[in-house]
PDB file of N, CA and C in Angstrom:
ATOM      1  N   MET A   1     -19.078   4.739  21.425  1.00  0.00           N
ATOM      2  CA  MET A   1     -17.770   5.320  21.272  1.00  0.00           C
ATOM      3  C   MET A   1     -17.750   6.072  19.941  1.00  0.00           C
ATOM      4  N   ARG A   2     -17.406   7.352  19.987  1.00  0.00           N
ATOM      5  CA  ARG A   2     -17.342   8.171  18.783  1.00  0.00           C
ATOM      6  C   ARG A   2     -15.900   8.553  18.506  1.00  0.00           C
ATOM      7  N   PHE A   3     -15.495   8.495  17.268  1.00  0.00           N
ATOM      8  CA  PHE A   3     -14.141   8.849  16.874  1.00  0.00           C
ATOM      9  C   PHE A   3     -14.210  10.000  15.898  1.00  0.00           C
ATOM     10  N   ARG A   4     -13.232  10.855  15.989  1.00  0.00           N
ATOM     11  CA  ARG A   4     -13.164  11.951  15.030  1.00  0.00           C
ATOM     12  C   ARG A   4     -12.138  11.600  13.976  1.00  0.00           C
ATOM     13  N   ARG A   5     -12.418  11.982  12.791  1.00  0.00           N
ATOM     14  CA  ARG A   5     -11.472  11.713  11.712  1.00  0.00           C
ATOM     15  C   ARG A   5     -11.011  13.028  11.121  1.00  0.00           C
ATOM     16  N   LYS A   6      -9.820  12.998  10.602  1.00  0.00           N
ATOM     17  CA  LYS A   6      -9.319  14.129   9.833  1.00  0.00           C
ATOM     18  C   LYS A   6      -9.531  13.755   8.390  1.00  0.00           C
ATOM     19  N   GLN A   7     -10.051  14.658   7.643  1.00  0.00           N
ATOM     20  CA  GLN A   7     -10.248  14.321   6.241  1.00  0.00           C
ATOM     21  C   GLN A   7      -9.699  15.436   5.375  1.00  0.00           C
ATOM     22  N   GLY A   8      -9.222  15.050   4.246  1.00  0.00           N
ATOM     23  CA  GLY A   8      -8.727  16.002   3.277  1.00  0.00           C
ATOM     24  C   GLY A   8      -9.259  15.618   1.916  1.00  0.00           C
ATOM     25  N   ARG A   9      -9.550  16.612   1.146  1.00  0.00           N
ATOM     26  CA  ARG A   9     -10.066  16.308  -0.183  1.00  0.00           C
ATOM     27  C   ARG A   9      -8.937  15.939  -1.108  1.00  0.00           C
ATOM     28  N   VAL A  10      -9.165  14.937  -1.883  1.00  0.00           N
ATOM     29  CA  VAL A  10      -8.241  14.528  -2.922  1.00  0.00           C
ATOM     30  C   VAL A  10      -9.080  14.452  -4.173  1.00  0.00           C
ATOM     31  N   GLY A  11      -8.719  15.189  -5.186  1.00  0.00           N
ATOM     32  CA  GLY A  11      -9.556  15.214  -6.375  1.00  0.00           C
ATOM     33  C   GLY A  11     -10.637  16.260  -6.199  1.00  0.00           C
ATOM     34  N   SER A  12     -11.688  16.151  -6.992  1.00  0.00           N
ATOM     35  CA  SER A  12     -12.765  17.121  -6.887  1.00  0.00           C
ATOM     36  C   SER A  12     -14.072  16.467  -7.269  1.00  0.00           C
ATOM     37  N   GLY A  13     -15.138  17.210  -7.105  1.00  0.00           N
ATOM     38  CA  GLY A  13     -16.447  16.696  -7.478  1.00  0.00           C
ATOM     39  C   GLY A  13     -16.999  15.753  -6.433  1.00  0.00           C
ATOM     40  N   SER A  14     -17.998  14.982  -6.828  1.00  0.00           N
ATOM     41  CA  SER A  14     -18.664  14.100  -5.877  1.00  0.00           C
ATOM     42  C   SER A  14     -17.874  12.825  -5.621  1.00  0.00           C
ATOM     43  N   ASN A  15     -16.877  12.581  -6.413  1.00  0.00           N
ATOM     44  CA  ASN A  15     -16.092  11.357  -6.281  1.00  0.00           C
ATOM     45  C   ASN A  15     -14.858  11.627  -5.421  1.00  0.00           C
ATOM     46  N   ARG A  16     -15.089  12.083  -4.177  1.00  0.00           N
ATOM     47  CA  ARG A  16     -13.976  12.476  -3.311  1.00  0.00           C
ATOM     48  C   ARG A  16     -13.402  11.275  -2.582  1.00  0.00           C
ATOM     49  N   SER A  17     -12.097  11.285  -2.470  1.00  0.00           N
ATOM     50  CA  SER A  17     -11.408  10.283  -1.659  1.00  0.00           C
ATOM     51  C   SER A  17     -10.978  10.973  -0.383  1.00  0.00           C
ATOM     52  N   ARG A  18     -10.956  10.242   0.700  1.00  0.00           N
ATOM     53  CA  ARG A  18     -10.516  10.811   1.967  1.00  0.00           C
ATOM     54  C   ARG A  18      -9.286  10.067   2.436  1.00  0.00           C
ATOM     55  N   ARG A  19      -8.425  10.794   3.082  1.00  0.00           N
ATOM     56  CA  ARG A  19      -7.238  10.190   3.681  1.00  0.00           C
ATOM     57  C   ARG A  19      -7.424  10.263   5.188  1.00  0.00           C
ATOM     58  N   TYR A  20      -7.131   9.171   5.845  1.00  0.00           N
ATOM     59  CA  TYR A  20      -7.318   9.085   7.283  1.00  0.00           C
ATOM     60  C   TYR A  20      -5.974   8.835   7.954  1.00  0.00           C
ATOM     61  N   PRO A  21      -5.772   9.418   9.130  1.00  0.00           N
ATOM     62  CA  PRO A  21      -4.518   9.179   9.857  1.00  0.00           C
ATOM     63  C   PRO A  21      -4.398   7.703  10.242  1.00  0.00           C
ATOM     64  N   GLU A  22      -3.165   7.236  10.344  1.00  0.00           N
ATOM     65  CA  GLU A  22      -2.928   5.831  10.694  1.00  0.00           C
ATOM     66  C   GLU A  22      -3.553   5.471  12.037  1.00  0.00           C
ATOM     67  N   GLU A  23      -3.505   6.393  12.993  1.00  0.00           N
ATOM     68  CA  GLU A  23      -4.083   6.124  14.312  1.00  0.00           C
ATOM     69  C   GLU A  23      -5.585   5.864  14.200  1.00  0.00           C
ATOM     70  N   PHE A  24      -6.256   6.633  13.366  1.00  0.00           N
ATOM     71  CA  PHE A  24      -7.690   6.451  13.147  1.00  0.00           C
ATOM     72  C   PHE A  24      -7.959   5.067  12.556  1.00  0.00           C
ATOM     73  N   LYS A  25      -7.146   4.682  11.572  1.00  0.00           N
ATOM     74  CA  LYS A  25      -7.313   3.366  10.944  1.00  0.00           C
ATOM     75  C   LYS A  25      -7.093   2.251  11.959  1.00  0.00           C
ATOM     76  N   ARG A  26      -6.036   2.396  12.774  1.00  0.00           N
ATOM     77  CA  ARG A  26      -5.759   1.372  13.799  1.00  0.00           C
ATOM     78  C   ARG A  26      -6.912   1.243  14.782  1.00  0.00           C
ATOM     79  N   ASP A  27      -7.486   2.387  15.199  1.00  0.00           N
ATOM     80  CA  ASP A  27      -8.615   2.357  16.132  1.00  0.00           C
ATOM     81  C   ASP A  27      -9.814   1.644  15.521  1.00  0.00           C
ATOM     82  N   ALA A  28     -10.092   1.944  14.263  1.00  0.00           N
ATOM     83  CA  ALA A  28     -11.235   1.320  13.591  1.00  0.00           C
ATOM     84  C   ALA A  28     -11.025  -0.185  13.458  1.00  0.00           C
ATOM     85  N   VAL A  29      -9.837  -0.593  13.059  1.00  0.00           N
ATOM     86  CA  VAL A  29      -9.529  -2.022  12.903  1.00  0.00           C
ATOM     87  C   VAL A  29      -9.594  -2.717  14.257  1.00  0.00           C
ATOM     88  N   ALA A  30      -9.064  -2.070  15.294  1.00  0.00           N
ATOM     89  CA  ALA A  30      -9.081  -2.666  16.634  1.00  0.00           C
ATOM     90  C   ALA A  30     -10.510  -2.876  17.113  1.00  0.00           C
ATOM     91  N   LEU A  31     -11.397  -1.933  16.823  1.00  0.00           N
ATOM     92  CA  LEU A  31     -12.798  -2.082  17.223  1.00  0.00           C
ATOM     93  C   LEU A  31     -13.433  -3.276  16.525  1.00  0.00           C
ATOM     94  N   VAL A  32     -13.187  -3.417  15.235  1.00  0.00           N
ATOM     95  CA  VAL A  32     -13.754  -4.541  14.480  1.00  0.00           C
ATOM     96  C   VAL A  32     -13.205  -5.852  15.025  1.00  0.00           C
ATOM     97  N   ARG A  33     -11.898  -5.916  15.266  1.00  0.00           N
ATOM     98  CA  ARG A  33     -11.281  -7.158  15.744  1.00  0.00           C
ATOM     99  C   ARG A  33     -11.737  -7.520  17.151  1.00  0.00           C
ATOM    100  N   SER A  34     -11.763  -6.546  18.049  1.00  0.00           N
ATOM    101  CA  SER A  34     -12.059  -6.858  19.452  1.00  0.00           C
ATOM    102  C   SER A  34     -13.541  -7.112  19.703  1.00  0.00           C
ATOM    103  N   SER A  35     -14.393  -6.426  18.966  1.00  0.00           N
ATOM    104  CA  SER A  35     -15.825  -6.559  19.230  1.00  0.00           C
ATOM    105  C   SER A  35     -16.483  -7.637  18.379  1.00  0.00           C
ATOM    106  N   GLY A  36     -15.826  -8.023  17.301  1.00  0.00           N
ATOM    107  CA  GLY A  36     -16.433  -9.000  16.398  1.00  0.00           C
ATOM    108  C   GLY A  36     -17.605  -8.419  15.627  1.00  0.00           C
ATOM    109  N   ARG A  37     -17.714  -7.105  15.628  1.00  0.00           N
ATOM    110  CA  ARG A  37     -18.814  -6.442  14.923  1.00  0.00           C
ATOM    111  C   ARG A  37     -18.639  -6.565  13.418  1.00  0.00           C
ATOM    112  N   ALA A  38     -19.739  -6.429  12.731  1.00  0.00           N
ATOM    113  CA  ALA A  38     -19.705  -6.445  11.270  1.00  0.00           C
ATOM    114  C   ALA A  38     -18.999  -5.182  10.781  1.00  0.00           C
ATOM    115  N   VAL A  39     -18.255  -5.329   9.714  1.00  0.00           N
ATOM    116  CA  VAL A  39     -17.511  -4.203   9.153  1.00  0.00           C
ATOM    117  C   VAL A  39     -18.461  -3.085   8.747  1.00  0.00           C
ATOM    118  N   THR A  40     -19.609  -3.442   8.176  1.00  0.00           N
ATOM    119  CA  THR A  40     -20.530  -2.400   7.698  1.00  0.00           C
ATOM    120  C   THR A  40     -21.026  -1.521   8.842  1.00  0.00           C
ATOM    121  N   GLY A  41     -21.363  -2.133   9.976  1.00  0.00           N
ATOM    122  CA  GLY A  41     -21.829  -1.352  11.125  1.00  0.00           C
ATOM    123  C   GLY A  41     -20.733  -0.472  11.693  1.00  0.00           C
ATOM    124  N   ALA A  42     -19.540  -1.026  11.823  1.00  0.00           N
ATOM    125  CA  ALA A  42     -18.407  -0.254  12.344  1.00  0.00           C
ATOM    126  C   ALA A  42     -18.062   0.883  11.385  1.00  0.00           C
ATOM    127  N   ALA A  43     -18.127   0.610  10.093  1.00  0.00           N
ATOM    128  CA  ALA A  43     -17.817   1.646   9.097  1.00  0.00           C
ATOM    129  C   ALA A  43     -18.809   2.795   9.218  1.00  0.00           C
ATOM    130  N   ARG A  44     -20.065   2.463   9.413  1.00  0.00           N
ATOM    131  CA  ARG A  44     -21.094   3.493   9.568  1.00  0.00           C
ATOM    132  C   ARG A  44     -20.781   4.349  10.797  1.00  0.00           C
ATOM    133  N   GLU A  45     -20.401   3.698  11.894  1.00  0.00           N
ATOM    134  CA  GLU A  45     -20.091   4.424  13.128  1.00  0.00           C
ATOM    135  C   GLU A  45     -18.883   5.337  12.953  1.00  0.00           C
ATOM    136  N   PHE A  46     -17.891   4.889  12.215  1.00  0.00           N
ATOM    137  CA  PHE A  46     -16.687   5.685  11.991  1.00  0.00           C
ATOM    138  C   PHE A  46     -16.858   6.705  10.869  1.00  0.00           C
ATOM    139  N   GLY A  47     -17.907   6.557  10.087  1.00  0.00           N
ATOM    140  CA  GLY A  47     -18.117   7.492   8.986  1.00  0.00           C
ATOM    141  C   GLY A  47     -17.196   7.245   7.810  1.00  0.00           C
ATOM    142  N   VAL A  48     -16.843   5.973   7.600  1.00  0.00           N
ATOM    143  CA  VAL A  48     -15.986   5.609   6.467  1.00  0.00           C
ATOM    144  C   VAL A  48     -16.737   4.607   5.605  1.00  0.00           C
ATOM    145  N   SER A  49     -16.225   4.364   4.417  1.00  0.00           N
ATOM    146  CA  SER A  49     -16.868   3.374   3.558  1.00  0.00           C
ATOM    147  C   SER A  49     -16.575   1.977   4.092  1.00  0.00           C
ATOM    148  N   ALA A  50     -17.533   1.098   3.926  1.00  0.00           N
ATOM    149  CA  ALA A  50     -17.355  -0.288   4.380  1.00  0.00           C
ATOM    150  C   ALA A  50     -16.193  -0.939   3.640  1.00  0.00           C
ATOM    151  N   GLU A  51     -16.069  -0.644   2.360  1.00  0.00           N
ATOM    152  CA  GLU A  51     -14.981  -1.241   1.572  1.00  0.00           C
ATOM    153  C   GLU A  51     -13.624  -0.756   2.065  1.00  0.00           C
ATOM    154  N   GLY A  52     -13.531   0.528   2.411  1.00  0.00           N
ATOM    155  CA  GLY A  52     -12.279   1.058   2.941  1.00  0.00           C
ATOM    156  C   GLY A  52     -11.890   0.380   4.244  1.00  0.00           C
ATOM    157  N   LEU A  53     -12.850   0.249   5.171  1.00  0.00           N
ATOM    158  CA  LEU A  53     -12.574  -0.411   6.446  1.00  0.00           C
ATOM    159  C   LEU A  53     -12.234  -1.878   6.227  1.00  0.00           C
ATOM    160  N   ARG A  54     -12.925  -2.520   5.302  1.00  0.00           N
ATOM    161  CA  ARG A  54     -12.641  -3.929   4.985  1.00  0.00           C
ATOM    162  C   ARG A  54     -11.193  -4.074   4.510  1.00  0.00           C
ATOM    163  N   ASN A  55     -10.728  -3.130   3.686  1.00  0.00           N
ATOM    164  CA  ASN A  55      -9.335  -3.157   3.207  1.00  0.00           C
ATOM    165  C   ASN A  55      -8.354  -2.965   4.361  1.00  0.00           C
ATOM    166  N   TRP A  56      -8.676  -2.058   5.293  1.00  0.00           N
ATOM    167  CA  TRP A  56      -7.795  -1.840   6.443  1.00  0.00           C
ATOM    168  C   TRP A  56      -7.689  -3.110   7.274  1.00  0.00           C
ATOM    169  N   VAL A  57      -8.827  -3.779   7.493  1.00  0.00           N
ATOM    170  CA  VAL A  57      -8.836  -5.019   8.281  1.00  0.00           C
ATOM    171  C   VAL A  57      -8.036  -6.099   7.562  1.00  0.00           C
ATOM    172  N   ARG A  58      -8.207  -6.204   6.250  1.00  0.00           N
ATOM    173  CA  ARG A  58      -7.485  -7.205   5.454  1.00  0.00           C
ATOM    174  C   ARG A  58      -5.982  -6.956   5.536  1.00  0.00           C
ATOM    175  N   ARG A  59      -5.577  -5.686   5.403  1.00  0.00           N
ATOM    176  CA  ARG A  59      -4.160  -5.340   5.485  1.00  0.00           C
ATOM    177  C   ARG A  59      -3.595  -5.658   6.869  1.00  0.00           C
ATOM    178  N   ASP A  60      -4.396  -5.404   7.901  1.00  0.00           N
ATOM    179  CA  ASP A  60      -3.962  -5.705   9.264  1.00  0.00           C
ATOM    180  C   ASP A  60      -3.760  -7.209   9.444  1.00  0.00           C
ATOM    181  N   ARG A  61      -4.675  -8.001   8.943  1.00  0.00           N
ATOM    182  CA  ARG A  61      -4.545  -9.464   9.047  1.00  0.00           C
ATOM    183  C   ARG A  61      -3.302  -9.948   8.310  1.00  0.00           C
ATOM    184  N   ALA A  62      -3.086  -9.404   7.119  1.00  0.00           N
ATOM    185  CA  ALA A  62      -1.913  -9.805   6.336  1.00  0.00           C
ATOM    186  C   ALA A  62      -0.639  -9.419   7.070  1.00  0.00           C
ATOM    187  N   GLY A  63      -0.630  -8.247   7.693  1.00  0.00           N
ATOM    188  CA  GLY A  63       0.534  -7.797   8.441  1.00  0.00           C
ATOM    189  C   GLY A  63       0.832  -8.681   9.638  1.00  0.00           C
ATOM    190  N   ARG A  64      -0.185  -9.328  10.161  1.00  0.00           N
ATOM    191  CA  ARG A  64      -0.021 -10.238  11.297  1.00  0.00           C
ATOM    192  C   ARG A  64       0.247 -11.667  10.834  1.00  0.00           C
ATOM    193  N   GLY A  65       0.312 -11.864   9.516  1.00  0.00           N
ATOM    194  CA  GLY A  65       0.545 -13.206   8.993  1.00  0.00           C
ATOM    195  C   GLY A  65      -0.701 -14.065   9.011  1.00  0.00           C
ATOM    196  N   GLN A  66      -1.878 -13.436   9.130  1.00  0.00           N
ATOM    197  CA  GLN A  66      -3.135 -14.171   9.192  1.00  0.00           C
ATOM    198  C   GLN A  66      -3.973 -13.966   7.935  1.00  0.00           C
ATOM    199  N   GLY A  67      -3.359 -13.465   6.876  1.00  0.00           N
ATOM    200  CA  GLY A  67      -4.095 -13.182   5.658  1.00  0.00           C
ATOM    201  C   GLY A  67      -4.450 -14.448   4.900  1.00  0.00           C
ATOM    202  N   ALA A  68      -5.055 -14.247   3.769  1.00  0.00           N
ATOM    203  CA  ALA A  68      -5.432 -15.360   2.901  1.00  0.00           C
ATOM    204  C   ALA A  68      -4.171 -16.069   2.418  1.00  0.00           C
ATOM    205  N   PRO A  69      -4.269 -17.351   2.104  1.00  0.00           N
ATOM    206  CA  PRO A  69      -3.105 -18.078   1.589  1.00  0.00           C
ATOM    207  C   PRO A  69      -2.537 -17.372   0.358  1.00  0.00           C
ATOM    208  N   GLY A  70      -1.245 -17.199   0.342  1.00  0.00           N
ATOM    209  CA  GLY A  70      -0.594 -16.544  -0.786  1.00  0.00           C
ATOM    210  C   GLY A  70      -0.526 -15.034  -0.652  1.00  0.00           C
ATOM    211  N   GLU A  71      -1.211 -14.465   0.333  1.00  0.00           N
ATOM    212  CA  GLU A  71      -1.189 -13.021   0.534  1.00  0.00           C
ATOM    213  C   GLU A  71       0.079 -12.649   1.293  1.00  0.00           C
ATOM    214  N   LEU A  72       0.785 -11.630   0.811  1.00  0.00           N
ATOM    215  CA  LEU A  72       2.046 -11.222   1.426  1.00  0.00           C
ATOM    216  C   LEU A  72       1.801 -10.424   2.700  1.00  0.00           C
ATOM    217  N   THR A  73       2.680 -10.602   3.668  1.00  0.00           N
ATOM    218  CA  THR A  73       2.616  -9.780   4.874  1.00  0.00           C
ATOM    219  C   THR A  73       3.176  -8.403   4.540  1.00  0.00           C
ATOM    220  N   THR A  74       2.975  -7.464   5.437  1.00  0.00           N
ATOM    221  CA  THR A  74       3.489  -6.111   5.227  1.00  0.00           C
ATOM    222  C   THR A  74       5.004  -6.135   5.076  1.00  0.00           C
ATOM    223  N   ALA A  75       5.675  -6.905   5.910  1.00  0.00           N
ATOM    224  CA  ALA A  75       7.140  -6.995   5.834  1.00  0.00           C
ATOM    225  C   ALA A  75       7.576  -7.590   4.498  1.00  0.00           C
ATOM    226  N   GLU A  76       6.853  -8.599   4.029  1.00  0.00           N
ATOM    227  CA  GLU A  76       7.200  -9.217   2.740  1.00  0.00           C
ATOM    228  C   GLU A  76       6.976  -8.244   1.590  1.00  0.00           C
ATOM    229  N   ARG A  77       5.890  -7.464   1.655  1.00  0.00           N
ATOM    230  CA  ARG A  77       5.635  -6.465   0.603  1.00  0.00           C
ATOM    231  C   ARG A  77       6.743  -5.418   0.581  1.00  0.00           C
ATOM    232  N   GLU A  78       7.165  -4.965   1.777  1.00  0.00           N
ATOM    233  CA  GLU A  78       8.239  -3.971   1.849  1.00  0.00           C
ATOM    234  C   GLU A  78       9.546  -4.534   1.311  1.00  0.00           C
ATOM    235  N   GLU A  79       9.844  -5.790   1.647  1.00  0.00           N
ATOM    236  CA  GLU A  79      11.069  -6.413   1.144  1.00  0.00           C
ATOM    237  C   GLU A  79      11.007  -6.571  -0.371  1.00  0.00           C
ATOM    238  N   LEU A  80       9.861  -6.971  -0.889  1.00  0.00           N
ATOM    239  CA  LEU A  80       9.696  -7.120  -2.332  1.00  0.00           C
ATOM    240  C   LEU A  80       9.901  -5.779  -3.034  1.00  0.00           C
ATOM    241  N   ARG A  81       9.329  -4.711  -2.470  1.00  0.00           N
ATOM    242  CA  ARG A  81       9.492  -3.370  -3.035  1.00  0.00           C
ATOM    243  C   ARG A  81      10.969  -2.977  -3.034  1.00  0.00           C
ATOM    244  N   ARG A  82      11.667  -3.248  -1.913  1.00  0.00           N
ATOM    245  CA  ARG A  82      13.094  -2.920  -1.802  1.00  0.00           C
ATOM    246  C   ARG A  82      13.920  -3.704  -2.818  1.00  0.00           C
ATOM    247  N   LEU A  83      13.633  -4.994  -2.961  1.00  0.00           N
ATOM    248  CA  LEU A  83      14.386  -5.832  -3.896  1.00  0.00           C
ATOM    249  C   LEU A  83      14.132  -5.425  -5.345  1.00  0.00           C
ATOM    250  N   ARG A  84      12.908  -5.045  -5.661  1.00  0.00           N
ATOM    251  CA  ARG A  84      12.616  -4.587  -7.032  1.00  0.00           C
ATOM    252  C   ARG A  84      13.361  -3.298  -7.349  1.00  0.00           C
ATOM    253  N   ARG A  85      13.403  -2.385  -6.369  1.00  0.00           N
ATOM    254  CA  ARG A  85      14.142  -1.133  -6.578  1.00  0.00           C
ATOM    255  C   ARG A  85      15.622  -1.429  -6.770  1.00  0.00           C
ATOM    256  N   GLN A  86      16.170  -2.325  -5.946  1.00  0.00           N
ATOM    257  CA  GLN A  86      17.580  -2.714  -6.052  1.00  0.00           C
ATOM    258  C   GLN A  86      17.851  -3.359  -7.408  1.00  0.00           C
ATOM    259  N   ASN A  87      16.963  -4.202  -7.864  1.00  0.00           N
ATOM    260  CA  ASN A  87      17.096  -4.859  -9.163  1.00  0.00           C
ATOM    261  C   ASN A  87      17.107  -3.824 -10.287  1.00  0.00           C
ATOM    262  N   ARG A  88      16.193  -2.844 -10.194  1.00  0.00           N
ATOM    263  CA  ARG A  88      16.113  -1.793 -11.212  1.00  0.00           C
ATOM    264  C   ARG A  88      17.410  -0.989 -11.252  1.00  0.00           C
ATOM    265  N   GLU A  89      17.948  -0.644 -10.075  1.00  0.00           N
ATOM    266  CA  GLU A  89      19.199   0.119 -10.006  1.00  0.00           C
ATOM    267  C   GLU A  89      20.362  -0.671 -10.592  1.00  0.00           C
ATOM    268  N   GLN A  90      20.416  -1.960 -10.310  1.00  0.00           N
ATOM    269  CA  GLN A  90      21.496  -2.794 -10.848  1.00  0.00           C
ATOM    270  C   GLN A  90      21.369  -2.933 -12.364  1.00  0.00           C
ATOM    271  N   ALA A  91      20.140  -3.049 -12.853  1.00  0.00           N
ATOM    272  CA  ALA A  91      19.934  -3.148 -14.299  1.00  0.00           C
ATOM    273  C   ALA A  91      20.403  -1.869 -14.986  1.00  0.00           C
ATOM    274  N   GLU A  92      20.135  -0.714 -14.367  1.00  0.00           N
ATOM    275  CA  GLU A  92      20.584   0.558 -14.934  1.00  0.00           C
ATOM    276  C   GLU A  92      22.108   0.651 -14.912  1.00  0.00           C
ATOM    277  N   THR A  93      22.720   0.150 -13.857  1.00  0.00           N
ATOM    278  CA  THR A  93      24.180   0.162 -13.738  1.00  0.00           C
ATOM    279  C   THR A  93      24.814  -0.677 -14.838  1.00  0.00           C
ATOM    280  N   ILE A  94      24.205  -1.778 -15.179  1.00  0.00           N
ATOM    281  CA  ILE A  94      24.709  -2.664 -16.233  1.00  0.00           C
ATOM    282  C   ILE A  94      24.450  -2.054 -17.609  1.00  0.00           C
ATOM    283  N   GLU A  95      23.345  -1.353 -17.762  1.00  0.00           N
ATOM    284  CA  GLU A  95      22.936  -0.807 -19.060  1.00  0.00           C
ATOM    285  C   GLU A  95      23.902   0.266 -19.569  1.00  0.00           C
ATOM    286  N   VAL A  96      24.428   1.100 -18.694  1.00  0.00           N
ATOM    287  CA  VAL A  96      25.305   2.200 -19.115  1.00  0.00           C
ATOM    288  C   VAL A  96      26.556   1.680 -19.826  1.00  0.00           C
ATOM    289  N   PRO A  97      27.325   0.759 -19.252  1.00  0.00           N
ATOM    290  CA  PRO A  97      28.511   0.262 -19.974  1.00  0.00           C
ATOM    291  C   PRO A  97      28.140  -0.468 -21.274  1.00  0.00           C
ATOM    292  N   ARG A  98      27.011  -1.140 -21.292  1.00  0.00           N
ATOM    293  CA  ARG A  98      26.592  -1.843 -22.505  1.00  0.00           C
ATOM    294  C   ARG A  98      26.346  -0.840 -23.630  1.00  0.00           C
ATOM    295  N   LYS A  99      25.648   0.244 -23.326  1.00  0.00           N
ATOM    296  CA  LYS A  99      25.377   1.264 -24.342  1.00  0.00           C
ATOM    297  C   LYS A  99      26.673   1.924 -24.805  1.00  0.00           C
ATOM    298  N   ALA A 100      27.581   2.140 -23.864  1.00  0.00           N
ATOM    299  CA  ALA A 100      28.869   2.738 -24.227  1.00  0.00           C
ATOM    300  C   ALA A 100      29.637   1.810 -25.157  1.00  0.00           C
ATOM    301  N   ALA A 101      29.619   0.519 -24.884  1.00  0.00           N
ATOM    302  CA  ALA A 101      30.317  -0.453 -25.731  1.00  0.00           C
ATOM    303  C   ALA A 101      29.726  -0.457 -27.133  1.00  0.00           C
ATOM    304  N   VAL A 102      28.406  -0.400 -27.237  1.00  0.00           N
ATOM    305  CA  VAL A 102      27.748  -0.371 -28.551  1.00  0.00           C
ATOM    306  C   VAL A 102      28.144   0.899 -29.289  1.00  0.00           C
ATOM    307  N   PHE A 103      28.154   2.037 -28.596  1.00  0.00           N
ATOM    308  CA  PHE A 103      28.501   3.310 -29.212  1.00  0.00           C
ATOM    309  C   PHE A 103      29.929   3.273 -29.764  1.00  0.00           C
ATOM    310  N   PHE A 104      30.880   2.821 -28.952  1.00  0.00           N
ATOM    311  CA  PHE A 104      32.276   2.800 -29.384  1.00  0.00           C
ATOM    312  C   PHE A 104      32.516   1.755 -30.469  1.00  0.00           C
ATOM    313  N   ALA A 105      31.762   0.683 -30.465  1.00  0.00           N
ATOM    314  CA  ALA A 105      31.887  -0.320 -31.528  1.00  0.00           C
ATOM    315  C   ALA A 105      31.451   0.284 -32.856  1.00  0.00           C
ATOM    316  N   LYS A 106      30.402   1.085 -32.840  1.00  0.00           N
ATOM    317  CA  LYS A 106      29.934   1.748 -34.065  1.00  0.00           C
ATOM    318  C   LYS A 106      30.958   2.778 -34.530  1.00  0.00           C
ATOM    319  N   GLU A 107      31.520   3.530 -33.592  1.00  0.00           N
ATOM    320  CA  GLU A 107      32.506   4.557 -33.922  1.00  0.00           C
ATOM    321  C   GLU A 107      33.764   3.947 -34.535  1.00  0.00           C
ATOM    322  N   SER A 108      34.227   2.828 -34.006  1.00  0.00           N
ATOM    323  CA  SER A 108      35.462   2.226 -34.511  1.00  0.00           C
ATOM    324  C   SER A 108      35.229   1.559 -35.865  1.00  0.00           C
ATOM    325  N   GLY A 109      33.986   1.276 -36.195  1.00  0.00           N
ATOM    326  CA  GLY A 109      33.666   0.637 -37.469  1.00  0.00           C
ATOM    327  C   GLY A 109      33.588   1.618 -38.618  1.00  0.00           C
ATOM    328  N   ARG A 110      33.649   2.896 -38.353  1.00  0.00           N
ATOM    329  CA  ARG A 110      33.541   3.903 -39.425  1.00  0.00           C
ATOM    330  C   ARG A 110      34.828   4.146 -40.118  1.00  0.00           C
TER     331      ARG A 110
END
């Protein structure tokens, strides 16, 4: 089975990174999972780095709740990202009145 990949250059020189479509990644991960093949052999067949494919497989396992103990699922990572953004926005909302209070306290002290 041969798969075609779309690749785009990111950066320059010999240290090029490639970006692959999600469908391509899913196909590669599905082949590794269903066939039980070694990641290195499957990576060679797909024309990707073994480490890259290993990361895709690891992310897929985590997304299914089958990752290593303590590893967050995809949904948990997304929720954590959302909560951190919300926390940052709330901290900024609190910071503005605090700075205004400090400014006016200095002004009234003159």
